[in-house]
Amino acid sequence: MKKTTNKSVAARKEREPWLDAICDDCQHGTWNDVFWNRDPQGKPLTLRCPYYENGKYGILRGTKACSKYAER
């Protein structure tokens, strides 16, 4: 018997691009570039995004992206 697939199930398996992304790669994020905000290699630790808590707080490097993700 031939195996059939339901198209709606196959469509649900396609993932949104932001589900596998991190905030570091988003075009909305801007790095906090101050000397006390750096790791031992000299890379910034946090970035800001207007969509995260209304832009008030920094986001740690490597945080999963939100639904507003826009690729650089």
PDB file of N, CA and C in Angstrom:
ATOM      1  N   MET A   1       0.832  -1.163   0.000  1.00  0.00           N
ATOM      2  CA  MET A   1       0.000   0.000   0.000  1.00  0.00           C
ATOM      3  C   MET A   1       0.892   1.247   0.000  1.00  0.00           C
ATOM      4  N   LYS A   2       0.543   2.224  -0.801  1.00  0.00           N
ATOM      5  CA  LYS A   2       1.331   3.434  -0.940  1.00  0.00           C
ATOM      6  C   LYS A   2       1.080   4.365   0.255  1.00  0.00           C
ATOM      7  N   LYS A   3       2.176   4.876   0.791  1.00  0.00           N
ATOM      8  CA  LYS A   3       2.072   5.774   1.928  1.00  0.00           C
ATOM      9  C   LYS A   3       1.771   7.186   1.420  1.00  0.00           C
ATOM     10  N   THR A   4       0.778   7.810   1.985  1.00  0.00           N
ATOM     11  CA  THR A   4       0.421   9.171   1.582  1.00  0.00           C
ATOM     12  C   THR A   4       0.710  10.127   2.726  1.00  0.00           C
ATOM     13  N   THR A   5       0.965  11.363   2.381  1.00  0.00           N
ATOM     14  CA  THR A   5       1.194  12.371   3.409  1.00  0.00           C
ATOM     15  C   THR A   5       0.125  13.444   3.309  1.00  0.00           C
ATOM     16  N   ASN A   6      -0.236  13.931   4.423  1.00  0.00           N
ATOM     17  CA  ASN A   6      -1.205  15.013   4.482  1.00  0.00           C
ATOM     18  C   ASN A   6      -0.458  16.324   4.253  1.00  0.00           C
ATOM     19  N   LYS A   7      -0.901  17.129   3.292  1.00  0.00           N
ATOM     20  CA  LYS A   7      -0.190  18.361   2.971  1.00  0.00           C
ATOM     21  C   LYS A   7      -0.188  19.341   4.141  1.00  0.00           C
ATOM     22  N   SER A   8      -1.233  19.346   4.921  1.00  0.00           N
ATOM     23  CA  SER A   8      -1.266  20.271   6.045  1.00  0.00           C
ATOM     24  C   SER A   8      -0.234  19.879   7.108  1.00  0.00           C
ATOM     25  N   VAL A   9       0.013  18.594   7.284  1.00  0.00           N
ATOM     26  CA  VAL A   9       1.036  18.139   8.231  1.00  0.00           C
ATOM     27  C   VAL A   9       2.415  18.514   7.707  1.00  0.00           C
ATOM     28  N   ALA A  10       2.647  18.357   6.410  1.00  0.00           N
ATOM     29  CA  ALA A  10       3.934  18.723   5.824  1.00  0.00           C
ATOM     30  C   ALA A  10       4.167  20.222   5.928  1.00  0.00           C
ATOM     31  N   ALA A  11       3.132  21.008   5.772  1.00  0.00           N
ATOM     32  CA  ALA A  11       3.273  22.457   5.874  1.00  0.00           C
ATOM     33  C   ALA A  11       3.600  22.878   7.303  1.00  0.00           C
ATOM     34  N   ARG A  12       3.061  22.174   8.287  1.00  0.00           N
ATOM     35  CA  ARG A  12       3.349  22.499   9.679  1.00  0.00           C
ATOM     36  C   ARG A  12       4.786  22.189  10.048  1.00  0.00           C
ATOM     37  N   LYS A  13       5.412  21.261   9.352  1.00  0.00           N
ATOM     38  CA  LYS A  13       6.780  20.884   9.671  1.00  0.00           C
ATOM     39  C   LYS A  13       7.784  21.944   9.234  1.00  0.00           C
ATOM     40  N   GLU A  14       7.396  22.834   8.283  1.00  0.00           N
ATOM     41  CA  GLU A  14       8.289  23.908   7.879  1.00  0.00           C
ATOM     42  C   GLU A  14       8.383  24.899   9.023  1.00  0.00           C
ATOM     43  N   ARG A  15       9.604  25.231   9.400  1.00  0.00           N
ATOM     44  CA  ARG A  15       9.823  26.111  10.546  1.00  0.00           C
ATOM     45  C   ARG A  15      10.021  27.547  10.089  1.00  0.00           C
ATOM     46  N   GLU A  16       9.615  28.450  10.942  1.00  0.00           N
ATOM     47  CA  GLU A  16       9.872  29.858  10.689  1.00  0.00           C
ATOM     48  C   GLU A  16      11.382  30.094  10.819  1.00  0.00           C
ATOM     49  N   PRO A  17      11.961  31.021  10.050  1.00  0.00           N
ATOM     50  CA  PRO A  17      13.415  31.224  10.110  1.00  0.00           C
ATOM     51  C   PRO A  17      13.898  31.738  11.464  1.00  0.00           C
ATOM     52  N   TRP A  18      13.067  32.453  12.196  1.00  0.00           N
ATOM     53  CA  TRP A  18      13.514  33.014  13.467  1.00  0.00           C
ATOM     54  C   TRP A  18      13.548  31.992  14.589  1.00  0.00           C
ATOM     55  N   LEU A  19      12.961  30.817  14.400  1.00  0.00           N
ATOM     56  CA  LEU A  19      12.965  29.815  15.457  1.00  0.00           C
ATOM     57  C   LEU A  19      14.354  29.238  15.712  1.00  0.00           C
ATOM     58  N   ASP A  20      15.201  29.244  14.698  1.00  0.00           N
ATOM     59  CA  ASP A  20      16.547  28.703  14.852  1.00  0.00           C
ATOM     60  C   ASP A  20      17.606  29.798  14.944  1.00  0.00           C
ATOM     61  N   ALA A  21      17.196  31.063  14.971  1.00  0.00           N
ATOM     62  CA  ALA A  21      18.134  32.181  14.947  1.00  0.00           C
ATOM     63  C   ALA A  21      18.393  32.718  16.348  1.00  0.00           C
ATOM     64  N   ILE A  22      19.432  33.554  16.452  1.00  0.00           N
ATOM     65  CA  ILE A  22      19.744  34.221  17.704  1.00  0.00           C
ATOM     66  C   ILE A  22      19.757  35.722  17.456  1.00  0.00           C
ATOM     67  N   CYS A  23      19.601  36.488  18.525  1.00  0.00           N
ATOM     68  CA  CYS A  23      19.514  37.949  18.415  1.00  0.00           C
ATOM     69  C   CYS A  23      20.774  38.570  17.807  1.00  0.00           C
ATOM     70  N   ASP A  24      21.907  37.910  17.937  1.00  0.00           N
ATOM     71  CA  ASP A  24      23.155  38.447  17.391  1.00  0.00           C
ATOM     72  C   ASP A  24      23.067  38.669  15.884  1.00  0.00           C
ATOM     73  N   ASP A  25      22.282  37.867  15.192  1.00  0.00           N
ATOM     74  CA  ASP A  25      22.206  37.921  13.740  1.00  0.00           C
ATOM     75  C   ASP A  25      21.068  38.798  13.217  1.00  0.00           C
ATOM     76  N   CYS A  26      20.316  39.431  14.097  1.00  0.00           N
ATOM     77  CA  CYS A  26      19.160  40.226  13.694  1.00  0.00           C
ATOM     78  C   CYS A  26      19.595  41.649  13.335  1.00  0.00           C
ATOM     79  N   GLN A  27      18.932  42.237  12.348  1.00  0.00           N
ATOM     80  CA  GLN A  27      19.300  43.593  11.943  1.00  0.00           C
ATOM     81  C   GLN A  27      18.793  44.652  12.921  1.00  0.00           C
ATOM     82  N   HIS A  28      17.853  44.309  13.792  1.00  0.00           N
ATOM     83  CA  HIS A  28      17.331  45.276  14.758  1.00  0.00           C
ATOM     84  C   HIS A  28      18.278  45.473  15.940  1.00  0.00           C
ATOM     85  N   GLY A  29      19.123  44.506  16.213  1.00  0.00           N
ATOM     86  CA  GLY A  29      20.008  44.580  17.368  1.00  0.00           C
ATOM     87  C   GLY A  29      21.201  45.484  17.120  1.00  0.00           C
ATOM     88  N   THR A  30      21.548  46.287  18.135  1.00  0.00           N
ATOM     89  CA  THR A  30      22.756  47.110  18.093  1.00  0.00           C
ATOM     90  C   THR A  30      23.589  46.757  19.317  1.00  0.00           C
ATOM     91  N   TRP A  31      24.877  46.554  19.115  1.00  0.00           N
ATOM     92  CA  TRP A  31      25.761  46.133  20.201  1.00  0.00           C
ATOM     93  C   TRP A  31      26.026  47.286  21.148  1.00  0.00           C
ATOM     94  N   ASN A  32      26.032  46.991  22.453  1.00  0.00           N
ATOM     95  CA  ASN A  32      26.426  47.965  23.469  1.00  0.00           C
ATOM     96  C   ASN A  32      27.942  47.966  23.486  1.00  0.00           C
ATOM     97  N   ASP A  33      28.537  48.981  22.897  1.00  0.00           N
ATOM     98  CA  ASP A  33      29.976  49.004  22.660  1.00  0.00           C
ATOM     99  C   ASP A  33      30.688  49.909  23.669  1.00  0.00           C
ATOM    100  N   VAL A  34      30.705  49.481  24.926  1.00  0.00           N
ATOM    101  CA  VAL A  34      31.415  50.209  25.976  1.00  0.00           C
ATOM    102  C   VAL A  34      32.443  49.260  26.597  1.00  0.00           C
ATOM    103  N   PHE A  35      33.492  49.811  27.166  1.00  0.00           N
ATOM    104  CA  PHE A  35      34.613  48.972  27.588  1.00  0.00           C
ATOM    105  C   PHE A  35      34.263  48.005  28.712  1.00  0.00           C
ATOM    106  N   TRP A  36      33.328  48.343  29.613  1.00  0.00           N
ATOM    107  CA  TRP A  36      32.987  47.427  30.713  1.00  0.00           C
ATOM    108  C   TRP A  36      32.016  46.322  30.277  1.00  0.00           C
ATOM    109  N   ASN A  37      31.584  46.371  29.031  1.00  0.00           N
ATOM    110  CA  ASN A  37      30.629  45.399  28.518  1.00  0.00           C
ATOM    111  C   ASN A  37      31.306  44.444  27.531  1.00  0.00           C
ATOM    112  N   ARG A  38      32.490  43.993  27.864  1.00  0.00           N
ATOM    113  CA  ARG A  38      33.252  43.130  26.958  1.00  0.00           C
ATOM    114  C   ARG A  38      33.741  41.879  27.683  1.00  0.00           C
ATOM    115  N   ASP A  39      33.881  40.801  26.896  1.00  0.00           N
ATOM    116  CA  ASP A  39      34.447  39.575  27.453  1.00  0.00           C
ATOM    117  C   ASP A  39      35.967  39.633  27.320  1.00  0.00           C
ATOM    118  N   PRO A  40      36.706  38.642  27.821  1.00  0.00           N
ATOM    119  CA  PRO A  40      38.173  38.670  27.742  1.00  0.00           C
ATOM    120  C   PRO A  40      38.733  38.734  26.317  1.00  0.00           C
ATOM    121  N   GLN A  41      37.957  38.295  25.309  1.00  0.00           N
ATOM    122  CA  GLN A  41      38.419  38.384  23.926  1.00  0.00           C
ATOM    123  C   GLN A  41      38.127  39.741  23.298  1.00  0.00           C
ATOM    124  N   GLY A  42      37.428  40.615  24.020  1.00  0.00           N
ATOM    125  CA  GLY A  42      37.134  41.951  23.516  1.00  0.00           C
ATOM    126  C   GLY A  42      35.818  42.065  22.760  1.00  0.00           C
ATOM    127  N   LYS A  43      34.994  41.022  22.768  1.00  0.00           N
ATOM    128  CA  LYS A  43      33.704  41.069  22.080  1.00  0.00           C
ATOM    129  C   LYS A  43      32.639  41.604  23.028  1.00  0.00           C
ATOM    130  N   PRO A  44      31.670  42.383  22.517  1.00  0.00           N
ATOM    131  CA  PRO A  44      30.600  42.888  23.381  1.00  0.00           C
ATOM    132  C   PRO A  44      29.735  41.753  23.930  1.00  0.00           C
ATOM    133  N   LEU A  45      29.239  41.925  25.159  1.00  0.00           N
ATOM    134  CA  LEU A  45      28.420  40.896  25.801  1.00  0.00           C
ATOM    135  C   LEU A  45      26.933  41.086  25.555  1.00  0.00           C
ATOM    136  N   THR A  46      26.469  42.324  25.439  1.00  0.00           N
ATOM    137  CA  THR A  46      25.041  42.579  25.303  1.00  0.00           C
ATOM    138  C   THR A  46      24.735  43.443  24.091  1.00  0.00           C
ATOM    139  N   LEU A  47      23.492  43.367  23.652  1.00  0.00           N
ATOM    140  CA  LEU A  47      23.006  44.219  22.577  1.00  0.00           C
ATOM    141  C   LEU A  47      21.631  44.719  22.927  1.00  0.00           C
ATOM    142  N   ARG A  48      21.176  45.739  22.228  1.00  0.00           N
ATOM    143  CA  ARG A  48      19.847  46.306  22.467  1.00  0.00           C
ATOM    144  C   ARG A  48      18.974  46.117  21.248  1.00  0.00           C
ATOM    145  N   CYS A  49      17.696  45.927  21.518  1.00  0.00           N
ATOM    146  CA  CYS A  49      16.710  45.759  20.455  1.00  0.00           C
ATOM    147  C   CYS A  49      15.476  46.580  20.828  1.00  0.00           C
ATOM    148  N   PRO A  50      14.888  47.324  19.884  1.00  0.00           N
ATOM    149  CA  PRO A  50      13.696  48.108  20.215  1.00  0.00           C
ATOM    150  C   PRO A  50      12.480  47.249  20.551  1.00  0.00           C
ATOM    151  N   TYR A  51      12.496  45.979  20.198  1.00  0.00           N
ATOM    152  CA  TYR A  51      11.357  45.099  20.445  1.00  0.00           C
ATOM    153  C   TYR A  51      11.472  44.312  21.736  1.00  0.00           C
ATOM    154  N   TYR A  52      12.616  44.370  22.413  1.00  0.00           N
ATOM    155  CA  TYR A  52      12.810  43.638  23.662  1.00  0.00           C
ATOM    156  C   TYR A  52      12.615  44.598  24.827  1.00  0.00           C
ATOM    157  N   GLU A  53      11.538  44.427  25.591  1.00  0.00           N
ATOM    158  CA  GLU A  53      11.240  45.278  26.749  1.00  0.00           C
ATOM    159  C   GLU A  53      11.298  46.764  26.379  1.00  0.00           C
ATOM    160  N   ASN A  54      10.796  47.094  25.194  1.00  0.00           N
ATOM    161  CA  ASN A  54      10.757  48.476  24.689  1.00  0.00           C
ATOM    162  C   ASN A  54      12.138  49.116  24.595  1.00  0.00           C
ATOM    163  N   GLY A  55      13.166  48.326  24.409  1.00  0.00           N
ATOM    164  CA  GLY A  55      14.521  48.837  24.229  1.00  0.00           C
ATOM    165  C   GLY A  55      15.193  49.310  25.501  1.00  0.00           C
ATOM    166  N   LYS A  56      14.613  49.030  26.662  1.00  0.00           N
ATOM    167  CA  LYS A  56      15.166  49.522  27.923  1.00  0.00           C
ATOM    168  C   LYS A  56      16.340  48.698  28.418  1.00  0.00           C
ATOM    169  N   TYR A  57      16.333  47.393  28.152  1.00  0.00           N
ATOM    170  CA  TYR A  57      17.311  46.500  28.750  1.00  0.00           C
ATOM    171  C   TYR A  57      18.183  45.842  27.691  1.00  0.00           C
ATOM    172  N   GLY A  58      19.374  45.434  28.090  1.00  0.00           N
ATOM    173  CA  GLY A  58      20.261  44.729  27.185  1.00  0.00           C
ATOM    174  C   GLY A  58      19.912  43.254  27.082  1.00  0.00           C
ATOM    175  N   ILE A  59      20.253  42.673  25.943  1.00  0.00           N
ATOM    176  CA  ILE A  59      20.023  41.252  25.693  1.00  0.00           C
ATOM    177  C   ILE A  59      21.390  40.579  25.674  1.00  0.00           C
ATOM    178  N   LEU A  60      21.530  39.485  26.377  1.00  0.00           N
ATOM    179  CA  LEU A  60      22.802  38.758  26.362  1.00  0.00           C
ATOM    180  C   LEU A  60      23.075  38.140  24.996  1.00  0.00           C
ATOM    181  N   ARG A  61      24.322  38.089  24.644  1.00  0.00           N
ATOM    182  CA  ARG A  61      24.740  37.476  23.381  1.00  0.00           C
ATOM    183  C   ARG A  61      24.303  36.018  23.368  1.00  0.00           C
ATOM    184  N   GLY A  62      23.713  35.557  22.261  1.00  0.00           N
ATOM    185  CA  GLY A  62      23.294  34.177  22.118  1.00  0.00           C
ATOM    186  C   GLY A  62      21.852  33.909  22.475  1.00  0.00           C
ATOM    187  N   THR A  63      21.084  34.935  22.814  1.00  0.00           N
ATOM    188  CA  THR A  63      19.676  34.758  23.168  1.00  0.00           C
ATOM    189  C   THR A  63      18.871  34.387  21.919  1.00  0.00           C
ATOM    190  N   LYS A  64      17.881  33.509  22.074  1.00  0.00           N
ATOM    191  CA  LYS A  64      17.042  33.118  20.945  1.00  0.00           C
ATOM    192  C   LYS A  64      16.272  34.332  20.426  1.00  0.00           C
ATOM    193  N   ALA A  65      16.108  34.396  19.126  1.00  0.00           N
ATOM    194  CA  ALA A  65      15.435  35.527  18.483  1.00  0.00           C
ATOM    195  C   ALA A  65      13.925  35.480  18.701  1.00  0.00           C
ATOM    196  N   CYS A  66      13.305  36.658  18.618  1.00  0.00           N
ATOM    197  CA  CYS A  66      11.843  36.752  18.750  1.00  0.00           C
ATOM    198  C   CYS A  66      11.199  36.702  17.367  1.00  0.00           C
ATOM    199  N   SER A  67       9.901  36.857  17.331  1.00  0.00           N
ATOM    200  CA  SER A  67       9.181  36.786  16.056  1.00  0.00           C
ATOM    201  C   SER A  67       9.427  37.995  15.161  1.00  0.00           C
ATOM    202  N   LYS A  68      10.039  39.047  15.686  1.00  0.00           N
ATOM    203  CA  LYS A  68      10.358  40.244  14.894  1.00  0.00           C
ATOM    204  C   LYS A  68      11.720  40.112  14.198  1.00  0.00           C
ATOM    205  N   TYR A  69      12.311  38.944  14.239  1.00  0.00           N
ATOM    206  CA  TYR A  69      13.646  38.705  13.664  1.00  0.00           C
ATOM    207  C   TYR A  69      13.700  39.105  12.194  1.00  0.00           C
ATOM    208  N   ALA A  70      14.745  39.844  11.834  1.00  0.00           N
ATOM    209  CA  ALA A  70      14.992  40.224  10.451  1.00  0.00           C
ATOM    210  C   ALA A  70      16.459  39.951  10.148  1.00  0.00           C
ATOM    211  N   GLU A  71      16.715  39.142   9.163  1.00  0.00           N
ATOM    212  CA  GLU A  71      18.069  38.717   8.843  1.00  0.00           C
ATOM    213  C   GLU A  71      18.893  39.884   8.310  1.00  0.00           C
ATOM    214  N   ARG A  72      20.169  39.938   8.712  1.00  0.00           N
ATOM    215  CA  ARG A  72      21.077  41.001   8.233  1.00  0.00           C
ATOM    216  C   ARG A  72      21.450  40.774   6.809  1.00  0.00           C
TER     217      ARG A  72
END
